[in-house]
Amino acid sequence: MKPRQRGISLIGVILMALLLGGVLLIGFKMVGPYKEYFALQHIIVLVADEGNNGASEPDMRESFARRANIDSIDNMIRPNDLVFRRQGERVVIEVEYSRKVPLVSNISLLFDFKASNQHK
């Protein structure tokens, strides 16, 4: 009696490679927008701390513009997009934005972000 072969066929290997490649493609495309979001979140916290220490709104917008330029996120969020408000003695800064990342051909990923220095 001949032993029965076990394992995955060549077609199975190709399909698994395509599936893994698709998952990796989406994963790599997601890294950029989230990296920018976390950099933006960090900048907002720093600028709000300046406001808590007495900086005016125009000064905070200028500080944001400089920091965003350094982190290369100045092309997606402008200083005028920031919403400033006071909550007691604290300055709260909020911004909402969308980021569209092309995936393949006419398929894109759309990210909606809301960044704030207020922890919920």
PDB file of N, CA and C in Angstrom:
ATOM      1  N   MET A   1       0.833  -1.166   0.000  1.00  0.00           N
ATOM      2  CA  MET A   1       0.000   0.000   0.000  1.00  0.00           C
ATOM      3  C   MET A   1       0.891   1.247   0.000  1.00  0.00           C
ATOM      4  N   LYS A   2       0.553   2.143  -0.880  1.00  0.00           N
ATOM      5  CA  LYS A   2       1.308   3.360  -1.061  1.00  0.00           C
ATOM      6  C   LYS A   2       0.967   4.352   0.058  1.00  0.00           C
ATOM      7  N   PRO A   3       1.991   5.031   0.681  1.00  0.00           N
ATOM      8  CA  PRO A   3       1.660   6.025   1.711  1.00  0.00           C
ATOM      9  C   PRO A   3       0.978   7.244   1.080  1.00  0.00           C
ATOM     10  N   ARG A   4       0.013   7.750   1.759  1.00  0.00           N
ATOM     11  CA  ARG A   4      -0.748   8.905   1.277  1.00  0.00           C
ATOM     12  C   ARG A   4       0.061  10.184   1.511  1.00  0.00           C
ATOM     13  N   GLN A   5       0.128  11.011   0.496  1.00  0.00           N
ATOM     14  CA  GLN A   5       0.880  12.251   0.606  1.00  0.00           C
ATOM     15  C   GLN A   5       0.068  13.291   1.360  1.00  0.00           C
ATOM     16  N   ARG A   6       0.778  14.078   2.145  1.00  0.00           N
ATOM     17  CA  ARG A   6       0.140  15.148   2.897  1.00  0.00           C
ATOM     18  C   ARG A   6       0.883  16.445   2.635  1.00  0.00           C
ATOM     19  N   GLY A   7       0.195  17.540   2.847  1.00  0.00           N
ATOM     20  CA  GLY A   7       0.839  18.832   2.667  1.00  0.00           C
ATOM     21  C   GLY A   7      -0.016  19.749   1.821  1.00  0.00           C
ATOM     22  N   ILE A   8       0.581  20.816   1.435  1.00  0.00           N
ATOM     23  CA  ILE A   8      -0.141  21.834   0.681  1.00  0.00           C
ATOM     24  C   ILE A   8       0.343  21.802  -0.772  1.00  0.00           C
ATOM     25  N   SER A   9      -0.560  21.986  -1.692  1.00  0.00           N
ATOM     26  CA  SER A   9      -0.206  21.931  -3.109  1.00  0.00           C
ATOM     27  C   SER A   9       0.403  23.252  -3.564  1.00  0.00           C
ATOM     28  N   LEU A  10       0.918  23.262  -4.775  1.00  0.00           N
ATOM     29  CA  LEU A  10       1.504  24.476  -5.329  1.00  0.00           C
ATOM     30  C   LEU A  10       0.453  25.569  -5.446  1.00  0.00           C
ATOM     31  N   ILE A  11      -0.743  25.222  -5.837  1.00  0.00           N
ATOM     32  CA  ILE A  11      -1.826  26.199  -5.935  1.00  0.00           C
ATOM     33  C   ILE A  11      -2.150  26.753  -4.551  1.00  0.00           C
ATOM     34  N   GLY A  12      -2.144  25.910  -3.552  1.00  0.00           N
ATOM     35  CA  GLY A  12      -2.377  26.361  -2.181  1.00  0.00           C
ATOM     36  C   GLY A  12      -1.306  27.329  -1.714  1.00  0.00           C
ATOM     37  N   VAL A  13      -0.055  27.064  -2.061  1.00  0.00           N
ATOM     38  CA  VAL A  13       1.048  27.955  -1.693  1.00  0.00           C
ATOM     39  C   VAL A  13       0.878  29.305  -2.378  1.00  0.00           C
ATOM     40  N   ILE A  14       0.505  29.306  -3.644  1.00  0.00           N
ATOM     41  CA  ILE A  14       0.315  30.546  -4.388  1.00  0.00           C
ATOM     42  C   ILE A  14      -0.835  31.357  -3.788  1.00  0.00           C
ATOM     43  N   LEU A  15      -1.947  30.705  -3.471  1.00  0.00           N
ATOM     44  CA  LEU A  15      -3.084  31.399  -2.870  1.00  0.00           C
ATOM     45  C   LEU A  15      -2.730  31.975  -1.499  1.00  0.00           C
ATOM     46  N   MET A  16      -1.998  31.219  -0.710  1.00  0.00           N
ATOM     47  CA  MET A  16      -1.575  31.710   0.605  1.00  0.00           C
ATOM     48  C   MET A  16      -0.638  32.911   0.454  1.00  0.00           C
ATOM     49  N   ALA A  17       0.264  32.868  -0.536  1.00  0.00           N
ATOM     50  CA  ALA A  17       1.182  33.979  -0.770  1.00  0.00           C
ATOM     51  C   ALA A  17       0.412  35.224  -1.208  1.00  0.00           C
ATOM     52  N   LEU A  18      -0.593  35.067  -2.056  1.00  0.00           N
ATOM     53  CA  LEU A  18      -1.415  36.200  -2.485  1.00  0.00           C
ATOM     54  C   LEU A  18      -2.183  36.798  -1.307  1.00  0.00           C
ATOM     55  N   LEU A  19      -2.749  35.947  -0.484  1.00  0.00           N
ATOM     56  CA  LEU A  19      -3.485  36.414   0.687  1.00  0.00           C
ATOM     57  C   LEU A  19      -2.562  37.155   1.652  1.00  0.00           C
ATOM     58  N   LEU A  20      -1.423  36.576   1.934  1.00  0.00           N
ATOM     59  CA  LEU A  20      -0.449  37.217   2.826  1.00  0.00           C
ATOM     60  C   LEU A  20       0.054  38.526   2.238  1.00  0.00           C
ATOM     61  N   GLY A  21       0.291  38.543   0.925  1.00  0.00           N
ATOM     62  CA  GLY A  21       0.734  39.772   0.260  1.00  0.00           C
ATOM     63  C   GLY A  21      -0.305  40.879   0.364  1.00  0.00           C
ATOM     64  N   GLY A  22      -1.588  40.527   0.199  1.00  0.00           N
ATOM     65  CA  GLY A  22      -2.659  41.517   0.325  1.00  0.00           C
ATOM     66  C   GLY A  22      -2.748  42.086   1.724  1.00  0.00           C
ATOM     67  N   VAL A  23      -2.649  41.227   2.717  1.00  0.00           N
ATOM     68  CA  VAL A  23      -2.699  41.681   4.112  1.00  0.00           C
ATOM     69  C   VAL A  23      -1.503  42.581   4.420  1.00  0.00           C
ATOM     70  N   LEU A  24      -0.316  42.205   3.948  1.00  0.00           N
ATOM     71  CA  LEU A  24       0.867  43.036   4.177  1.00  0.00           C
ATOM     72  C   LEU A  24       0.764  44.377   3.461  1.00  0.00           C
ATOM     73  N   LEU A  25       0.207  44.394   2.251  1.00  0.00           N
ATOM     74  CA  LEU A  25       0.039  45.641   1.509  1.00  0.00           C
ATOM     75  C   LEU A  25      -0.853  46.610   2.274  1.00  0.00           C
ATOM     76  N   ILE A  26      -1.972  46.124   2.755  1.00  0.00           N
ATOM     77  CA  ILE A  26      -2.883  46.974   3.528  1.00  0.00           C
ATOM     78  C   ILE A  26      -2.214  47.436   4.823  1.00  0.00           C
ATOM     79  N   GLY A  27      -1.506  46.533   5.479  1.00  0.00           N
ATOM     80  CA  GLY A  27      -0.817  46.888   6.724  1.00  0.00           C
ATOM     81  C   GLY A  27       0.222  47.974   6.521  1.00  0.00           C
ATOM     82  N   PHE A  28       1.023  47.851   5.451  1.00  0.00           N
ATOM     83  CA  PHE A  28       2.054  48.852   5.188  1.00  0.00           C
ATOM     84  C   PHE A  28       1.444  50.195   4.802  1.00  0.00           C
ATOM     85  N   LYS A  29       0.329  50.185   4.109  1.00  0.00           N
ATOM     86  CA  LYS A  29      -0.331  51.429   3.734  1.00  0.00           C
ATOM     87  C   LYS A  29      -0.941  52.126   4.943  1.00  0.00           C
ATOM     88  N   MET A  30      -1.249  51.382   6.002  1.00  0.00           N
ATOM     89  CA  MET A  30      -1.856  51.959   7.205  1.00  0.00           C
ATOM     90  C   MET A  30      -0.820  52.593   8.131  1.00  0.00           C
ATOM     91  N   VAL A  31       0.430  52.229   7.987  1.00  0.00           N
ATOM     92  CA  VAL A  31       1.467  52.726   8.894  1.00  0.00           C
ATOM     93  C   VAL A  31       1.625  54.243   8.786  1.00  0.00           C
ATOM     94  N   GLY A  32       1.676  54.781   7.578  1.00  0.00           N
ATOM     95  CA  GLY A  32       1.899  56.214   7.373  1.00  0.00           C
ATOM     96  C   GLY A  32       0.851  57.100   8.033  1.00  0.00           C
ATOM     97  N   PRO A  33      -0.441  56.879   7.740  1.00  0.00           N
ATOM     98  CA  PRO A  33      -1.458  57.736   8.365  1.00  0.00           C
ATOM     99  C   PRO A  33      -1.467  57.659   9.890  1.00  0.00           C
ATOM    100  N   TYR A  34      -1.251  56.478  10.449  1.00  0.00           N
ATOM    101  CA  TYR A  34      -1.248  56.376  11.908  1.00  0.00           C
ATOM    102  C   TYR A  34       0.001  57.021  12.512  1.00  0.00           C
ATOM    103  N   LYS A  35       1.125  56.922  11.823  1.00  0.00           N
ATOM    104  CA  LYS A  35       2.339  57.593  12.295  1.00  0.00           C
ATOM    105  C   LYS A  35       2.120  59.104  12.324  1.00  0.00           C
ATOM    106  N   GLU A  36       1.492  59.649  11.268  1.00  0.00           N
ATOM    107  CA  GLU A  36       1.191  61.075  11.230  1.00  0.00           C
ATOM    108  C   GLU A  36       0.204  61.461  12.323  1.00  0.00           C
ATOM    109  N   TYR A  37      -0.798  60.622  12.566  1.00  0.00           N
ATOM    110  CA  TYR A  37      -1.791  60.911  13.601  1.00  0.00           C
ATOM    111  C   TYR A  37      -1.136  60.999  14.979  1.00  0.00           C
ATOM    112  N   PHE A  38      -0.255  60.048  15.298  1.00  0.00           N
ATOM    113  CA  PHE A  38       0.385  60.070  16.607  1.00  0.00           C
ATOM    114  C   PHE A  38       1.346  61.251  16.737  1.00  0.00           C
ATOM    115  N   ALA A  39       2.005  61.648  15.640  1.00  0.00           N
ATOM    116  CA  ALA A  39       2.849  62.850  15.676  1.00  0.00           C
ATOM    117  C   ALA A  39       1.985  64.083  15.915  1.00  0.00           C
ATOM    118  N   LEU A  40       0.833  64.158  15.246  1.00  0.00           N
ATOM    119  CA  LEU A  40      -0.088  65.277  15.435  1.00  0.00           C
ATOM    120  C   LEU A  40      -0.604  65.316  16.869  1.00  0.00           C
ATOM    121  N   GLN A  41      -0.948  64.174  17.401  1.00  0.00           N
ATOM    122  CA  GLN A  41      -1.438  64.094  18.781  1.00  0.00           C
ATOM    123  C   GLN A  41      -0.376  64.627  19.756  1.00  0.00           C
ATOM    124  N   HIS A  42       0.865  64.258  19.521  1.00  0.00           N
ATOM    125  CA  HIS A  42       1.963  64.713  20.388  1.00  0.00           C
ATOM    126  C   HIS A  42       2.135  66.233  20.290  1.00  0.00           C
ATOM    127  N   ILE A  43       2.068  66.771  19.079  1.00  0.00           N
ATOM    128  CA  ILE A  43       2.219  68.213  18.887  1.00  0.00           C
ATOM    129  C   ILE A  43       1.090  68.966  19.579  1.00  0.00           C
ATOM    130  N   ILE A  44      -0.129  68.466  19.464  1.00  0.00           N
ATOM    131  CA  ILE A  44      -1.272  69.128  20.095  1.00  0.00           C
ATOM    132  C   ILE A  44      -1.102  69.190  21.607  1.00  0.00           C
ATOM    133  N   VAL A  45      -0.618  68.123  22.205  1.00  0.00           N
ATOM    134  CA  VAL A  45      -0.393  68.114  23.659  1.00  0.00           C
ATOM    135  C   VAL A  45       0.660  69.155  24.036  1.00  0.00           C
ATOM    136  N   LEU A  46       1.742  69.245  23.273  1.00  0.00           N
ATOM    137  CA  LEU A  46       2.793  70.225  23.573  1.00  0.00           C
ATOM    138  C   LEU A  46       2.290  71.656  23.427  1.00  0.00           C
ATOM    139  N   VAL A  47       1.525  71.919  22.361  1.00  0.00           N
ATOM    140  CA  VAL A  47       1.010  73.269  22.131  1.00  0.00           C
ATOM    141  C   VAL A  47      -0.006  73.642  23.210  1.00  0.00           C
ATOM    142  N   ALA A  48      -0.841  72.694  23.624  1.00  0.00           N
ATOM    143  CA  ALA A  48      -1.812  72.972  24.687  1.00  0.00           C
ATOM    144  C   ALA A  48      -1.102  73.281  26.002  1.00  0.00           C
ATOM    145  N   ASP A  49       0.006  72.618  26.270  1.00  0.00           N
ATOM    146  CA  ASP A  49       0.782  72.933  27.473  1.00  0.00           C
ATOM    147  C   ASP A  49       1.314  74.365  27.423  1.00  0.00           C
ATOM    148  N   GLU A  50       1.704  74.811  26.237  1.00  0.00           N
ATOM    149  CA  GLU A  50       2.132  76.203  26.099  1.00  0.00           C
ATOM    150  C   GLU A  50       0.967  77.146  26.418  1.00  0.00           C
ATOM    151  N   GLY A  51      -0.231  76.791  25.954  1.00  0.00           N
ATOM    152  CA  GLY A  51      -1.412  77.609  26.240  1.00  0.00           C
ATOM    153  C   GLY A  51      -1.744  77.618  27.715  1.00  0.00           C
ATOM    154  N   ASN A  52      -1.543  76.491  28.381  1.00  0.00           N
ATOM    155  CA  ASN A  52      -1.788  76.426  29.820  1.00  0.00           C
ATOM    156  C   ASN A  52      -0.785  77.276  30.593  1.00  0.00           C
ATOM    157  N   ASN A  53       0.363  77.538  29.973  1.00  0.00           N
ATOM    158  CA  ASN A  53       1.385  78.373  30.606  1.00  0.00           C
ATOM    159  C   ASN A  53       1.283  79.833  30.194  1.00  0.00           C
ATOM    160  N   GLY A  54       0.201  80.220  29.514  1.00  0.00           N
ATOM    161  CA  GLY A  54      -0.033  81.621  29.232  1.00  0.00           C
ATOM    162  C   GLY A  54       0.134  82.060  27.795  1.00  0.00           C
ATOM    163  N   ALA A  55       0.431  81.171  26.875  1.00  0.00           N
ATOM    164  CA  ALA A  55       0.591  81.576  25.471  1.00  0.00           C
ATOM    165  C   ALA A  55      -0.766  81.934  24.874  1.00  0.00           C
ATOM    166  N   SER A  56      -0.766  82.904  23.973  1.00  0.00           N
ATOM    167  CA  SER A  56      -2.009  83.315  23.321  1.00  0.00           C
ATOM    168  C   SER A  56      -2.333  82.365  22.159  1.00  0.00           C
ATOM    169  N   GLU A  57      -3.557  82.491  21.651  1.00  0.00           N
ATOM    170  CA  GLU A  57      -3.971  81.618  20.549  1.00  0.00           C
ATOM    171  C   GLU A  57      -3.100  81.808  19.304  1.00  0.00           C
ATOM    172  N   PRO A  58      -2.784  83.048  18.871  1.00  0.00           N
ATOM    173  CA  PRO A  58      -1.888  83.188  17.713  1.00  0.00           C
ATOM    174  C   PRO A  58      -0.506  82.581  17.959  1.00  0.00           C
ATOM    175  N   ASP A  59      -0.014  82.716  19.190  1.00  0.00           N
ATOM    176  CA  ASP A  59       1.283  82.104  19.518  1.00  0.00           C
ATOM    177  C   ASP A  59       1.210  80.584  19.430  1.00  0.00           C
ATOM    178  N   MET A  60       0.102  80.009  19.893  1.00  0.00           N
ATOM    179  CA  MET A  60      -0.054  78.556  19.829  1.00  0.00           C
ATOM    180  C   MET A  60      -0.174  78.085  18.382  1.00  0.00           C
ATOM    181  N   ARG A  61      -0.876  78.848  17.543  1.00  0.00           N
ATOM    182  CA  ARG A  61      -0.983  78.483  16.123  1.00  0.00           C
ATOM    183  C   ARG A  61       0.393  78.529  15.448  1.00  0.00           C
ATOM    184  N   GLU A  62       1.173  79.547  15.776  1.00  0.00           N
ATOM    185  CA  GLU A  62       2.527  79.657  15.213  1.00  0.00           C
ATOM    186  C   GLU A  62       3.409  78.500  15.689  1.00  0.00           C
ATOM    187  N   SER A  63       3.307  78.158  16.960  1.00  0.00           N
ATOM    188  CA  SER A  63       4.069  77.034  17.504  1.00  0.00           C
ATOM    189  C   SER A  63       3.664  75.728  16.819  1.00  0.00           C
ATOM    190  N   PHE A  64       2.354  75.555  16.614  1.00  0.00           N
ATOM    191  CA  PHE A  64       1.881  74.364  15.911  1.00  0.00           C
ATOM    192  C   PHE A  64       2.448  74.305  14.499  1.00  0.00           C
ATOM    193  N   ALA A  65       2.441  75.439  13.793  1.00  0.00           N
ATOM    194  CA  ALA A  65       2.941  75.472  12.415  1.00  0.00           C
ATOM    195  C   ALA A  65       4.417  75.079  12.360  1.00  0.00           C
ATOM    196  N   ARG A  66       5.211  75.585  13.291  1.00  0.00           N
ATOM    197  CA  ARG A  66       6.643  75.239  13.316  1.00  0.00           C
ATOM    198  C   ARG A  66       6.837  73.761  13.605  1.00  0.00           C
ATOM    199  N   ARG A  67       6.133  73.247  14.601  1.00  0.00           N
ATOM    200  CA  ARG A  67       6.288  71.836  14.979  1.00  0.00           C
ATOM    201  C   ARG A  67       5.770  70.904  13.878  1.00  0.00           C
ATOM    202  N   ALA A  68       4.673  71.280  13.235  1.00  0.00           N
ATOM    203  CA  ALA A  68       4.129  70.459  12.148  1.00  0.00           C
ATOM    204  C   ALA A  68       5.082  70.441  10.962  1.00  0.00           C
ATOM    205  N   ASN A  69       5.736  71.549  10.702  1.00  0.00           N
ATOM    206  CA  ASN A  69       6.707  71.605   9.626  1.00  0.00           C
ATOM    207  C   ASN A  69       7.897  70.696   9.919  1.00  0.00           C
ATOM    208  N   ILE A  70       8.346  70.682  11.150  1.00  0.00           N
ATOM    209  CA  ILE A  70       9.471  69.837  11.536  1.00  0.00           C
ATOM    210  C   ILE A  70       9.112  68.358  11.371  1.00  0.00           C
ATOM    211  N   ASP A  71       7.895  67.981  11.768  1.00  0.00           N
ATOM    212  CA  ASP A  71       7.468  66.582  11.668  1.00  0.00           C
ATOM    213  C   ASP A  71       6.878  66.235  10.301  1.00  0.00           C
ATOM    214  N   SER A  72       6.917  67.171   9.365  1.00  0.00           N
ATOM    215  CA  SER A  72       6.423  66.969   7.992  1.00  0.00           C
ATOM    216  C   SER A  72       4.956  66.578   7.932  1.00  0.00           C
ATOM    217  N   ILE A  73       4.143  67.162   8.803  1.00  0.00           N
ATOM    218  CA  ILE A  73       2.704  66.926   8.729  1.00  0.00           C
ATOM    219  C   ILE A  73       1.962  68.214   8.416  1.00  0.00           C
ATOM    220  N   ASP A  74       2.714  69.246   7.982  1.00  0.00           N
ATOM    221  CA  ASP A  74       2.090  70.536   7.708  1.00  0.00           C
ATOM    222  C   ASP A  74       1.254  70.534   6.442  1.00  0.00           C
ATOM    223  N   ASN A  75       1.360  69.508   5.604  1.00  0.00           N
ATOM    224  CA  ASN A  75       0.561  69.476   4.385  1.00  0.00           C
ATOM    225  C   ASN A  75      -0.837  68.916   4.604  1.00  0.00           C
ATOM    226  N   MET A  76      -1.110  68.330   5.766  1.00  0.00           N
ATOM    227  CA  MET A  76      -2.443  67.761   5.994  1.00  0.00           C
ATOM    228  C   MET A  76      -3.262  68.558   6.999  1.00  0.00           C
ATOM    229  N   ILE A  77      -2.638  69.216   7.941  1.00  0.00           N
ATOM    230  CA  ILE A  77      -3.343  70.028   8.937  1.00  0.00           C
ATOM    231  C   ILE A  77      -2.718  71.414   8.955  1.00  0.00           C
ATOM    232  N   ARG A  78      -3.529  72.411   8.782  1.00  0.00           N
ATOM    233  CA  ARG A  78      -3.087  73.803   8.842  1.00  0.00           C
ATOM    234  C   ARG A  78      -3.391  74.353  10.247  1.00  0.00           C
ATOM    235  N   PRO A  79      -2.654  75.356  10.678  1.00  0.00           N
ATOM    236  CA  PRO A  79      -2.933  75.940  12.002  1.00  0.00           C
ATOM    237  C   PRO A  79      -4.357  76.474  12.134  1.00  0.00           C
ATOM    238  N   ASN A  80      -4.964  76.921  11.037  1.00  0.00           N
ATOM    239  CA  ASN A  80      -6.335  77.439  11.098  1.00  0.00           C
ATOM    240  C   ASN A  80      -7.367  76.325  11.260  1.00  0.00           C
ATOM    241  N   ASP A  81      -6.973  75.064  11.065  1.00  0.00           N
ATOM    242  CA  ASP A  81      -7.891  73.942  11.247  1.00  0.00           C
ATOM    243  C   ASP A  81      -8.099  73.594  12.722  1.00  0.00           C
ATOM    244  N   LEU A  82      -7.224  74.079  13.574  1.00  0.00           N
ATOM    245  CA  LEU A  82      -7.306  73.761  15.004  1.00  0.00           C
ATOM    246  C   LEU A  82      -8.455  74.533  15.653  1.00  0.00           C
ATOM    247  N   VAL A  83      -9.142  73.868  16.565  1.00  0.00           N
ATOM    248  CA  VAL A  83     -10.223  74.492  17.340  1.00  0.00           C
ATOM    249  C   VAL A  83      -9.730  74.611  18.779  1.00  0.00           C
ATOM    250  N   PHE A  84      -9.669  75.854  19.262  1.00  0.00           N
ATOM    251  CA  PHE A  84      -9.216  76.121  20.634  1.00  0.00           C
ATOM    252  C   PHE A  84     -10.423  76.458  21.499  1.00  0.00           C
ATOM    253  N   ARG A  85     -10.418  75.939  22.718  1.00  0.00           N
ATOM    254  CA  ARG A  85     -11.436  76.325  23.690  1.00  0.00           C
ATOM    255  C   ARG A  85     -10.845  76.147  25.082  1.00  0.00           C
ATOM    256  N   ARG A  86     -11.445  76.823  26.014  1.00  0.00           N
ATOM    257  CA  ARG A  86     -11.005  76.710  27.413  1.00  0.00           C
ATOM    258  C   ARG A  86     -11.978  75.832  28.167  1.00  0.00           C
ATOM    259  N   GLN A  87     -11.428  74.963  28.978  1.00  0.00           N
ATOM    260  CA  GLN A  87     -12.239  74.125  29.854  1.00  0.00           C
ATOM    261  C   GLN A  87     -11.679  74.342  31.258  1.00  0.00           C
ATOM    262  N   GLY A  88     -12.292  75.271  31.946  1.00  0.00           N
ATOM    263  CA  GLY A  88     -11.764  75.677  33.244  1.00  0.00           C
ATOM    264  C   GLY A  88     -10.492  76.467  33.026  1.00  0.00           C
ATOM    265  N   GLU A  89      -9.417  76.018  33.610  1.00  0.00           N
ATOM    266  CA  GLU A  89      -8.122  76.680  33.460  1.00  0.00           C
ATOM    267  C   GLU A  89      -7.287  76.068  32.340  1.00  0.00           C
ATOM    268  N   ARG A  90      -7.786  75.007  31.727  1.00  0.00           N
ATOM    269  CA  ARG A  90      -7.014  74.281  30.718  1.00  0.00           C
ATOM    270  C   ARG A  90      -7.425  74.670  29.301  1.00  0.00           C
ATOM    271  N   VAL A  91      -6.464  74.635  28.406  1.00  0.00           N
ATOM    272  CA  VAL A  91      -6.719  74.857  26.981  1.00  0.00           C
ATOM    273  C   VAL A  91      -6.943  73.495  26.338  1.00  0.00           C
ATOM    274  N   VAL A  92      -8.033  73.383  25.582  1.00  0.00           N
ATOM    275  CA  VAL A  92      -8.332  72.152  24.855  1.00  0.00           C
ATOM    276  C   VAL A  92      -8.218  72.455  23.365  1.00  0.00           C
ATOM    277  N   ILE A  93      -7.434  71.650  22.665  1.00  0.00           N
ATOM    278  CA  ILE A  93      -7.245  71.804  21.223  1.00  0.00           C
ATOM    279  C   ILE A  93      -7.779  70.550  20.545  1.00  0.00           C
ATOM    280  N   GLU A  94      -8.612  70.747  19.525  1.00  0.00           N
ATOM    281  CA  GLU A  94      -9.192  69.628  18.782  1.00  0.00           C
ATOM    282  C   GLU A  94      -9.053  69.872  17.291  1.00  0.00           C
ATOM    283  N   VAL A  95      -8.963  68.801  16.550  1.00  0.00           N
ATOM    284  CA  VAL A  95      -8.950  68.877  15.087  1.00  0.00           C
ATOM    285  C   VAL A  95      -9.480  67.551  14.544  1.00  0.00           C
ATOM    286  N   GLU A  96     -10.287  67.642  13.509  1.00  0.00           N
ATOM    287  CA  GLU A  96     -10.797  66.469  12.807  1.00  0.00           C
ATOM    288  C   GLU A  96     -10.350  66.564  11.364  1.00  0.00           C
ATOM    289  N   TYR A  97      -9.917  65.435  10.809  1.00  0.00           N
ATOM    290  CA  TYR A  97      -9.497  65.413   9.416  1.00  0.00           C
ATOM    291  C   TYR A  97      -9.624  64.003   8.852  1.00  0.00           C
ATOM    292  N   SER A  98      -9.608  63.937   7.525  1.00  0.00           N
ATOM    293  CA  SER A  98      -9.664  62.659   6.818  1.00  0.00           C
ATOM    294  C   SER A  98      -8.399  62.507   5.991  1.00  0.00           C
ATOM    295  N   ARG A  99      -7.995  61.288   5.820  1.00  0.00           N
ATOM    296  CA  ARG A  99      -6.812  60.991   5.002  1.00  0.00           C
ATOM    297  C   ARG A  99      -7.167  59.855   4.059  1.00  0.00           C
ATOM    298  N   LYS A 100      -6.990  60.070   2.761  1.00  0.00           N
ATOM    299  CA  LYS A 100      -7.272  59.070   1.739  1.00  0.00           C
ATOM    300  C   LYS A 100      -5.947  58.533   1.214  1.00  0.00           C
ATOM    301  N   VAL A 101      -5.781  57.208   1.279  1.00  0.00           N
ATOM    302  CA  VAL A 101      -4.546  56.566   0.848  1.00  0.00           C
ATOM    303  C   VAL A 101      -4.880  55.615  -0.292  1.00  0.00           C
ATOM    304  N   PRO A 102      -4.318  55.846  -1.493  1.00  0.00           N
ATOM    305  CA  PRO A 102      -4.582  54.935  -2.602  1.00  0.00           C
ATOM    306  C   PRO A 102      -4.000  53.551  -2.305  1.00  0.00           C
ATOM    307  N   LEU A 103      -4.773  52.529  -2.622  1.00  0.00           N
ATOM    308  CA  LEU A 103      -4.336  51.158  -2.375  1.00  0.00           C
ATOM    309  C   LEU A 103      -3.918  50.508  -3.683  1.00  0.00           C
ATOM    310  N   VAL A 104      -4.877  50.196  -4.533  1.00  0.00           N
ATOM    311  CA  VAL A 104      -4.612  49.588  -5.828  1.00  0.00           C
ATOM    312  C   VAL A 104      -5.619  50.144  -6.811  1.00  0.00           C
ATOM    313  N   SER A 105      -5.148  50.609  -7.945  1.00  0.00           N
ATOM    314  CA  SER A 105      -6.014  51.098  -9.015  1.00  0.00           C
ATOM    315  C   SER A 105      -6.993  52.138  -8.474  1.00  0.00           C
ATOM    316  N   ASN A 106      -8.288  51.839  -8.484  1.00  0.00           N
ATOM    317  CA  ASN A 106      -9.276  52.797  -8.000  1.00  0.00           C
ATOM    318  C   ASN A 106      -9.780  52.462  -6.597  1.00  0.00           C
ATOM    319  N   ILE A 107      -9.034  51.683  -5.861  1.00  0.00           N
ATOM    320  CA  ILE A 107      -9.391  51.301  -4.493  1.00  0.00           C
ATOM    321  C   ILE A 107      -8.509  52.095  -3.529  1.00  0.00           C
ATOM    322  N   SER A 108      -9.155  52.742  -2.557  1.00  0.00           N
ATOM    323  CA  SER A 108      -8.422  53.557  -1.587  1.00  0.00           C
ATOM    324  C   SER A 108      -8.874  53.229  -0.171  1.00  0.00           C
ATOM    325  N   LEU A 109      -8.014  53.550   0.771  1.00  0.00           N
ATOM    326  CA  LEU A 109      -8.354  53.463   2.184  1.00  0.00           C
ATOM    327  C   LEU A 109      -8.674  54.869   2.668  1.00  0.00           C
ATOM    328  N   LEU A 110      -9.747  55.038   3.421  1.00  0.00           N
ATOM    329  CA  LEU A 110     -10.122  56.347   3.959  1.00  0.00           C
ATOM    330  C   LEU A 110     -10.055  56.282   5.479  1.00  0.00           C
ATOM    331  N   PHE A 111      -9.272  57.185   6.059  1.00  0.00           N
ATOM    332  CA  PHE A 111      -9.107  57.259   7.499  1.00  0.00           C
ATOM    333  C   PHE A 111      -9.739  58.551   7.991  1.00  0.00           C
ATOM    334  N   ASP A 112     -10.570  58.487   9.020  1.00  0.00           N
ATOM    335  CA  ASP A 112     -11.133  59.660   9.681  1.00  0.00           C
ATOM    336  C   ASP A 112     -10.523  59.741  11.074  1.00  0.00           C
ATOM    337  N   PHE A 113      -9.817  60.829  11.334  1.00  0.00           N
ATOM    338  CA  PHE A 113      -9.132  60.997  12.608  1.00  0.00           C
ATOM    339  C   PHE A 113      -9.708  62.185  13.363  1.00  0.00           C
ATOM    340  N   LYS A 114      -9.678  62.097  14.680  1.00  0.00           N
ATOM    341  CA  LYS A 114     -10.010  63.209  15.556  1.00  0.00           C
ATOM    342  C   LYS A 114      -8.924  63.241  16.633  1.00  0.00           C
ATOM    343  N   ALA A 115      -8.138  64.300  16.605  1.00  0.00           N
ATOM    344  CA  ALA A 115      -7.046  64.443  17.561  1.00  0.00           C
ATOM    345  C   ALA A 115      -7.394  65.525  18.564  1.00  0.00           C
ATOM    346  N   SER A 116      -7.022  65.297  19.815  1.00  0.00           N
ATOM    347  CA  SER A 116      -7.297  66.250  20.878  1.00  0.00           C
ATOM    348  C   SER A 116      -6.331  66.009  22.026  1.00  0.00           C
ATOM    349  N   ASN A 117      -6.110  67.034  22.817  1.00  0.00           N
ATOM    350  CA  ASN A 117      -5.294  66.857  24.018  1.00  0.00           C
ATOM    351  C   ASN A 117      -6.144  66.487  25.224  1.00  0.00           C
ATOM    352  N   GLN A 118      -7.446  66.386  25.023  1.00  0.00           N
ATOM    353  CA  GLN A 118      -8.375  66.031  26.101  1.00  0.00           C
ATOM    354  C   GLN A 118      -8.568  64.516  26.096  1.00  0.00           C
ATOM    355  N   HIS A 119      -8.227  63.889  27.185  1.00  0.00           N
ATOM    356  CA  HIS A 119      -8.377  62.431  27.281  1.00  0.00           C
ATOM    357  C   HIS A 119      -9.781  62.104  27.737  1.00  0.00           C
ATOM    358  N   LYS A 120     -10.398  61.166  27.021  1.00  0.00           N
ATOM    359  CA  LYS A 120     -11.789  60.820  27.346  1.00  0.00           C
ATOM    360  C   LYS A 120     -11.876  59.495  28.020  1.00  0.00           C
TER     361      LYS A 120
END
